[in-house]
Amino acid sequence: KLCSKNTFSSGRSWEEGLPFVLFAARDAVQESTGFSPHQLVFGHSPRGPLKALKEKFLWAVPPVGSSLPTYV
C-alpha cells in the first residue's frame, strides 16, 4: 500500500521509491512495542537525511570563542 501511494504521488517507479518506503516503515514507532523496528534491532533511532544535514551544518560552524585564523 505504501509503495503504490509513494509511486502515485511522486510519479516514480516503485523501484525508485522503495528505499524511501522502507526507511519510513523501519523508522515508524509501532503501537504494540512503543519502538520502531530500527530501534529494536540496533538500539537507537536511525540517522535520517535531515539528521545528517543537521550534523553537517553544526560541524561547519566554528566553535564559540575561537578566532577565525585559529579555526582556519
PDB file of N, CA and C in Angstrom:
ATOM      1  N   LYS A   1       0.824  -1.185   0.000  1.00  0.00           N
ATOM      2  CA  LYS A   1       0.000   0.000   0.000  1.00  0.00           C
ATOM      3  C   LYS A   1       0.873   1.256   0.000  1.00  0.00           C
ATOM      4  N   LEU A   2       1.910   1.271   0.838  1.00  0.00           N
ATOM      5  CA  LEU A   2       2.802   2.432   0.876  1.00  0.00           C
ATOM      6  C   LEU A   2       3.518   2.631  -0.450  1.00  0.00           C
ATOM      7  N   CYS A   3       3.927   1.533  -1.086  1.00  0.00           N
ATOM      8  CA  CYS A   3       4.618   1.643  -2.373  1.00  0.00           C
ATOM      9  C   CYS A   3       3.726   2.283  -3.423  1.00  0.00           C
ATOM     10  N   SER A   4       2.481   1.858  -3.488  1.00  0.00           N
ATOM     11  CA  SER A   4       1.588   2.407  -4.506  1.00  0.00           C
ATOM     12  C   SER A   4       1.294   3.876  -4.253  1.00  0.00           C
ATOM     13  N   LYS A   5       1.120   4.272  -2.993  1.00  0.00           N
ATOM     14  CA  LYS A   5       0.876   5.680  -2.687  1.00  0.00           C
ATOM     15  C   LYS A   5       2.101   6.527  -2.998  1.00  0.00           C
ATOM     16  N   ASN A   6       3.278   6.017  -2.678  1.00  0.00           N
ATOM     17  CA  ASN A   6       4.507   6.760  -2.928  1.00  0.00           C
ATOM     18  C   ASN A   6       4.754   6.933  -4.423  1.00  0.00           C
ATOM     19  N   THR A   7       4.581   5.877  -5.194  1.00  0.00           N
ATOM     20  CA  THR A   7       4.840   5.977  -6.625  1.00  0.00           C
ATOM     21  C   THR A   7       3.783   6.811  -7.320  1.00  0.00           C
ATOM     22  N   PHE A   8       2.545   6.731  -6.876  1.00  0.00           N
ATOM     23  CA  PHE A   8       1.475   7.512  -7.495  1.00  0.00           C
ATOM     24  C   PHE A   8       1.669   9.001  -7.237  1.00  0.00           C
ATOM     25  N   SER A   9       2.000   9.377  -6.003  1.00  0.00           N
ATOM     26  CA  SER A   9       2.109  10.792  -5.660  1.00  0.00           C
ATOM     27  C   SER A   9       3.385  11.429  -6.202  1.00  0.00           C
ATOM     28  N   SER A  10       4.464  10.664  -6.334  1.00  0.00           N
ATOM     29  CA  SER A  10       5.727  11.249  -6.782  1.00  0.00           C
ATOM     30  C   SER A  10       6.001  11.031  -8.266  1.00  0.00           C
ATOM     31  N   GLY A  11       5.277  10.129  -8.894  1.00  0.00           N
ATOM     32  CA  GLY A  11       5.494   9.847 -10.307  1.00  0.00           C
ATOM     33  C   GLY A  11       6.695   8.949 -10.573  1.00  0.00           C
ATOM     34  N   ARG A  12       7.254   8.333  -9.550  1.00  0.00           N
ATOM     35  CA  ARG A  12       8.401   7.436  -9.695  1.00  0.00           C
ATOM     36  C   ARG A  12       7.926   6.016  -9.960  1.00  0.00           C
ATOM     37  N   SER A  13       8.864   5.201 -10.434  1.00  0.00           N
ATOM     38  CA  SER A  13       8.570   3.774 -10.499  1.00  0.00           C
ATOM     39  C   SER A  13       8.735   3.209  -9.089  1.00  0.00           C
ATOM     40  N   TRP A  14       8.163   2.062  -8.836  1.00  0.00           N
ATOM     41  CA  TRP A  14       8.199   1.526  -7.469  1.00  0.00           C
ATOM     42  C   TRP A  14       9.618   1.190  -7.034  1.00  0.00           C
ATOM     43  N   GLU A  15      10.506   0.844  -7.992  1.00  0.00           N
ATOM     44  CA  GLU A  15      11.887   0.523  -7.625  1.00  0.00           C
ATOM     45  C   GLU A  15      12.622   1.747  -7.085  1.00  0.00           C
ATOM     46  N   GLU A  16      12.321   2.908  -7.631  1.00  0.00           N
ATOM     47  CA  GLU A  16      12.975   4.138  -7.174  1.00  0.00           C
ATOM     48  C   GLU A  16      12.457   4.581  -5.814  1.00  0.00           C
ATOM     49  N   GLY A  17      11.185   4.337  -5.550  1.00  0.00           N
ATOM     50  CA  GLY A  17      10.587   4.770  -4.295  1.00  0.00           C
ATOM     51  C   GLY A  17      10.747   3.795  -3.146  1.00  0.00           C
ATOM     52  N   LEU A  18      11.166   2.571  -3.439  1.00  0.00           N
ATOM     53  CA  LEU A  18      11.250   1.538  -2.410  1.00  0.00           C
ATOM     54  C   LEU A  18      12.162   1.900  -1.238  1.00  0.00           C
ATOM     55  N   PRO A  19      13.358   2.462  -1.442  1.00  0.00           N
ATOM     56  CA  PRO A  19      14.195   2.814  -0.281  1.00  0.00           C
ATOM     57  C   PRO A  19      13.525   3.805   0.670  1.00  0.00           C
ATOM     58  N   PHE A  20      12.756   4.741   0.128  1.00  0.00           N
ATOM     59  CA  PHE A  20      12.070   5.721   0.968  1.00  0.00           C
ATOM     60  C   PHE A  20      10.943   5.076   1.767  1.00  0.00           C
ATOM     61  N   VAL A  21      10.229   4.169   1.139  1.00  0.00           N
ATOM     62  CA  VAL A  21       9.149   3.459   1.822  1.00  0.00           C
ATOM     63  C   VAL A  21       9.721   2.566   2.924  1.00  0.00           C
ATOM     64  N   LEU A  22      10.805   1.869   2.639  1.00  0.00           N
ATOM     65  CA  LEU A  22      11.428   1.008   3.647  1.00  0.00           C
ATOM     66  C   LEU A  22      11.952   1.818   4.821  1.00  0.00           C
ATOM     67  N   PHE A  23      12.572   2.967   4.547  1.00  0.00           N
ATOM     68  CA  PHE A  23      13.066   3.812   5.636  1.00  0.00           C
ATOM     69  C   PHE A  23      11.909   4.268   6.515  1.00  0.00           C
ATOM     70  N   ALA A  24      10.810   4.701   5.889  1.00  0.00           N
ATOM     71  CA  ALA A  24       9.651   5.159   6.656  1.00  0.00           C
ATOM     72  C   ALA A  24       9.066   4.032   7.502  1.00  0.00           C
ATOM     73  N   ALA A  25       8.980   2.835   6.945  1.00  0.00           N
ATOM     74  CA  ALA A  25       8.426   1.700   7.691  1.00  0.00           C
ATOM     75  C   ALA A  25       9.332   1.293   8.847  1.00  0.00           C
ATOM     76  N   ARG A  26      10.627   1.354   8.642  1.00  0.00           N
ATOM     77  CA  ARG A  26      11.567   0.958   9.696  1.00  0.00           C
ATOM     78  C   ARG A  26      11.705   2.018  10.780  1.00  0.00           C
ATOM     79  N   ASP A  27      11.375   3.267  10.444  1.00  0.00           N
ATOM     80  CA  ASP A  27      11.502   4.374  11.393  1.00  0.00           C
ATOM     81  C   ASP A  27      10.207   4.631  12.166  1.00  0.00           C
ATOM     82  N   ALA A  28       9.100   4.072  11.716  1.00  0.00           N
ATOM     83  CA  ALA A  28       7.802   4.318  12.349  1.00  0.00           C
ATOM     84  C   ALA A  28       7.696   3.553  13.672  1.00  0.00           C
ATOM     85  N   VAL A  29       7.279   4.258  14.708  1.00  0.00           N
ATOM     86  CA  VAL A  29       7.097   3.634  16.022  1.00  0.00           C
ATOM     87  C   VAL A  29       5.867   2.732  15.970  1.00  0.00           C
ATOM     88  N   GLN A  30       6.030   1.497  16.423  1.00  0.00           N
ATOM     89  CA  GLN A  30       4.937   0.534  16.444  1.00  0.00           C
ATOM     90  C   GLN A  30       4.146   0.689  17.737  1.00  0.00           C
ATOM     91  N   GLU A  31       2.842   0.704  17.621  1.00  0.00           N
ATOM     92  CA  GLU A  31       1.975   0.914  18.781  1.00  0.00           C
ATOM     93  C   GLU A  31       2.148  -0.188  19.825  1.00  0.00           C
ATOM     94  N   SER A  32       2.338  -1.415  19.375  1.00  0.00           N
ATOM     95  CA  SER A  32       2.408  -2.538  20.319  1.00  0.00           C
ATOM     96  C   SER A  32       3.685  -2.533  21.160  1.00  0.00           C
ATOM     97  N   THR A  33       4.796  -2.058  20.592  1.00  0.00           N
ATOM     98  CA  THR A  33       6.064  -2.080  21.324  1.00  0.00           C
ATOM     99  C   THR A  33       6.477  -0.713  21.855  1.00  0.00           C
ATOM    100  N   GLY A  34       6.020   0.344  21.204  1.00  0.00           N
ATOM    101  CA  GLY A  34       6.444   1.692  21.576  1.00  0.00           C
ATOM    102  C   GLY A  34       7.802   2.059  20.994  1.00  0.00           C
ATOM    103  N   PHE A  35       8.343   1.205  20.139  1.00  0.00           N
ATOM    104  CA  PHE A  35       9.636   1.440  19.496  1.00  0.00           C
ATOM    105  C   PHE A  35       9.514   1.182  18.001  1.00  0.00           C
ATOM    106  N   SER A  36      10.441   1.743  17.244  1.00  0.00           N
ATOM    107  CA  SER A  36      10.491   1.446  15.814  1.00  0.00           C
ATOM    108  C   SER A  36      11.264   0.143  15.614  1.00  0.00           C
ATOM    109  N   PRO A  37      11.052  -0.546  14.487  1.00  0.00           N
ATOM    110  CA  PRO A  37      11.835  -1.754  14.227  1.00  0.00           C
ATOM    111  C   PRO A  37      13.345  -1.484  14.249  1.00  0.00           C
ATOM    112  N   HIS A  38      13.754  -0.339  13.745  1.00  0.00           N
ATOM    113  CA  HIS A  38      15.183   0.004  13.748  1.00  0.00           C
ATOM    114  C   HIS A  38      15.714   0.113  15.176  1.00  0.00           C
ATOM    115  N   GLN A  39      14.936   0.732  16.064  1.00  0.00           N
ATOM    116  CA  GLN A  39      15.361   0.858  17.459  1.00  0.00           C
ATOM    117  C   GLN A  39      15.485  -0.508  18.123  1.00  0.00           C
ATOM    118  N   LEU A  40      14.580  -1.406  17.825  1.00  0.00           N
ATOM    119  CA  LEU A  40      14.623  -2.738  18.433  1.00  0.00           C
ATOM    120  C   LEU A  40      15.826  -3.545  17.951  1.00  0.00           C
ATOM    121  N   VAL A  41      16.199  -3.379  16.695  1.00  0.00           N
ATOM    122  CA  VAL A  41      17.320  -4.146  16.150  1.00  0.00           C
ATOM    123  C   VAL A  41      18.662  -3.534  16.532  1.00  0.00           C
ATOM    124  N   PHE A  42      18.782  -2.197  16.396  1.00  0.00           N
ATOM    125  CA  PHE A  42      20.086  -1.548  16.564  1.00  0.00           C
ATOM    126  C   PHE A  42      20.246  -0.793  17.881  1.00  0.00           C
ATOM    127  N   GLY A  43      19.156  -0.573  18.611  1.00  0.00           N
ATOM    128  CA  GLY A  43      19.251   0.081  19.908  1.00  0.00           C
ATOM    129  C   GLY A  43      19.260   1.597  19.872  1.00  0.00           C
ATOM    130  N   HIS A  44      19.056   2.192  18.704  1.00  0.00           N
ATOM    131  CA  HIS A  44      19.000   3.650  18.594  1.00  0.00           C
ATOM    132  C   HIS A  44      18.151   4.029  17.384  1.00  0.00           C
ATOM    133  N   SER A  45      17.756   5.293  17.323  1.00  0.00           N
ATOM    134  CA  SER A  45      16.975   5.776  16.185  1.00  0.00           C
ATOM    135  C   SER A  45      17.865   5.867  14.952  1.00  0.00           C
ATOM    136  N   PRO A  46      17.285   5.677  13.763  1.00  0.00           N
ATOM    137  CA  PRO A  46      18.099   5.769  12.549  1.00  0.00           C
ATOM    138  C   PRO A  46      18.556   7.204  12.283  1.00  0.00           C
ATOM    139  N   ARG A  47      19.663   7.320  11.609  1.00  0.00           N
ATOM    140  CA  ARG A  47      20.203   8.626  11.222  1.00  0.00           C
ATOM    141  C   ARG A  47      19.683   8.926   9.826  1.00  0.00           C
ATOM    142  N   GLY A  48      18.606   9.689   9.770  1.00  0.00           N
ATOM    143  CA  GLY A  48      17.982  10.010   8.501  1.00  0.00           C
ATOM    144  C   GLY A  48      18.653  11.165   7.788  1.00  0.00           C
ATOM    145  N   PRO A  49      18.147  11.508   6.619  1.00  0.00           N
ATOM    146  CA  PRO A  49      18.743  12.582   5.830  1.00  0.00           C
ATOM    147  C   PRO A  49      18.735  13.933   6.541  1.00  0.00           C
ATOM    148  N   LEU A  50      17.664  14.253   7.251  1.00  0.00           N
ATOM    149  CA  LEU A  50      17.609  15.542   7.943  1.00  0.00           C
ATOM    150  C   LEU A  50      18.606  15.604   9.092  1.00  0.00           C
ATOM    151  N   LYS A  51      18.770  14.509   9.799  1.00  0.00           N
ATOM    152  CA  LYS A  51      19.741  14.481  10.891  1.00  0.00           C
ATOM    153  C   LYS A  51      21.162  14.605  10.343  1.00  0.00           C
ATOM    154  N   ALA A  52      21.429  13.978   9.210  1.00  0.00           N
ATOM    155  CA  ALA A  52      22.754  14.072   8.589  1.00  0.00           C
ATOM    156  C   ALA A  52      23.046  15.505   8.162  1.00  0.00           C
ATOM    157  N   LEU A  53      22.053  16.183   7.592  1.00  0.00           N
ATOM    158  CA  LEU A  53      22.241  17.586   7.200  1.00  0.00           C
ATOM    159  C   LEU A  53      22.472  18.472   8.414  1.00  0.00           C
ATOM    160  N   LYS A  54      21.729  18.213   9.485  1.00  0.00           N
ATOM    161  CA  LYS A  54      21.892  19.000  10.708  1.00  0.00           C
ATOM    162  C   LYS A  54      23.299  18.826  11.267  1.00  0.00           C
ATOM    163  N   GLU A  55      23.783  17.593  11.320  1.00  0.00           N
ATOM    164  CA  GLU A  55      25.128  17.335  11.824  1.00  0.00           C
ATOM    165  C   GLU A  55      26.179  18.005  10.949  1.00  0.00           C
ATOM    166  N   LYS A  56      25.985  17.948   9.639  1.00  0.00           N
ATOM    167  CA  LYS A  56      26.933  18.582   8.720  1.00  0.00           C
ATOM    168  C   LYS A  56      26.954  20.089   8.941  1.00  0.00           C
ATOM    169  N   PHE A  57      25.775  20.683   9.125  1.00  0.00           N
ATOM    170  CA  PHE A  57      25.692  22.121   9.347  1.00  0.00           C
ATOM    171  C   PHE A  57      26.333  22.507  10.673  1.00  0.00           C
ATOM    172  N   LEU A  58      26.054  21.763  11.730  1.00  0.00           N
ATOM    173  CA  LEU A  58      26.601  22.104  13.040  1.00  0.00           C
ATOM    174  C   LEU A  58      28.119  21.956  13.079  1.00  0.00           C
ATOM    175  N   TRP A  59      28.665  20.976  12.356  1.00  0.00           N
ATOM    176  CA  TRP A  59      30.119  20.821  12.322  1.00  0.00           C
ATOM    177  C   TRP A  59      30.777  21.931  11.520  1.00  0.00           C
ATOM    178  N   ALA A  60      30.017  22.583  10.611  1.00  0.00           N
ATOM    179  CA  ALA A  60      30.578  23.655   9.789  1.00  0.00           C
ATOM    180  C   ALA A  60      30.692  24.960  10.564  1.00  0.00           C
ATOM    181  N   VAL A  61      29.988  25.073  11.679  1.00  0.00           N
ATOM    182  CA  VAL A  61      30.020  26.298  12.478  1.00  0.00           C
ATOM    183  C   VAL A  61      31.274  26.292  13.343  1.00  0.00           C
ATOM    184  N   PRO A  62      32.062  27.388  13.307  1.00  0.00           N
ATOM    185  CA  PRO A  62      33.264  27.415  14.144  1.00  0.00           C
ATOM    186  C   PRO A  62      32.907  27.411  15.624  1.00  0.00           C
ATOM    187  N   PRO A  63      33.724  26.800  16.453  1.00  0.00           N
ATOM    188  CA  PRO A  63      33.454  26.772  17.890  1.00  0.00           C
ATOM    189  C   PRO A  63      33.391  28.179  18.471  1.00  0.00           C
ATOM    190  N   VAL A  64      32.538  28.368  19.459  1.00  0.00           N
ATOM    191  CA  VAL A  64      32.385  29.668  20.105  1.00  0.00           C
ATOM    192  C   VAL A  64      33.690  30.036  20.802  1.00  0.00           C
ATOM    193  N   GLY A  65      34.102  31.285  20.619  1.00  0.00           N
ATOM    194  CA  GLY A  65      35.303  31.767  21.283  1.00  0.00           C
ATOM    195  C   GLY A  65      36.583  31.564  20.493  1.00  0.00           C
ATOM    196  N   SER A  66      36.521  30.895  19.352  1.00  0.00           N
ATOM    197  CA  SER A  66      37.737  30.717  18.560  1.00  0.00           C
ATOM    198  C   SER A  66      37.841  31.830  17.525  1.00  0.00           C
ATOM    199  N   SER A  67      39.049  32.260  17.277  1.00  0.00           N
ATOM    200  CA  SER A  67      39.249  33.299  16.276  1.00  0.00           C
ATOM    201  C   SER A  67      39.278  32.656  14.895  1.00  0.00           C
ATOM    202  N   LEU A  68      39.037  33.440  13.879  1.00  0.00           N
ATOM    203  CA  LEU A  68      38.996  32.911  12.521  1.00  0.00           C
ATOM    204  C   LEU A  68      40.340  32.309  12.108  1.00  0.00           C
ATOM    205  N   PRO A  69      41.485  32.981  12.342  1.00  0.00           N
ATOM    206  CA  PRO A  69      42.763  32.354  11.959  1.00  0.00           C
ATOM    207  C   PRO A  69      43.019  31.027  12.684  1.00  0.00           C
ATOM    208  N   THR A  70      42.596  30.936  13.929  1.00  0.00           N
ATOM    209  CA  THR A  70      42.769  29.691  14.672  1.00  0.00           C
ATOM    210  C   THR A  70      41.880  28.599  14.092  1.00  0.00           C
ATOM    211  N   TYR A  71      40.653  28.960  13.713  1.00  0.00           N
ATOM    212  CA  TYR A  71      39.704  27.993  13.163  1.00  0.00           C
ATOM    213  C   TYR A  71      40.173  27.479  11.806  1.00  0.00           C
ATOM    214  N   VAL A  72      40.669  28.402  10.973  1.00  0.00           N
ATOM    215  CA  VAL A  72      41.097  28.037   9.618  1.00  0.00           C
ATOM    216  C   VAL A  72      42.417  27.322   9.715  1.00  0.00           C
TER     217      VAL A  72
END
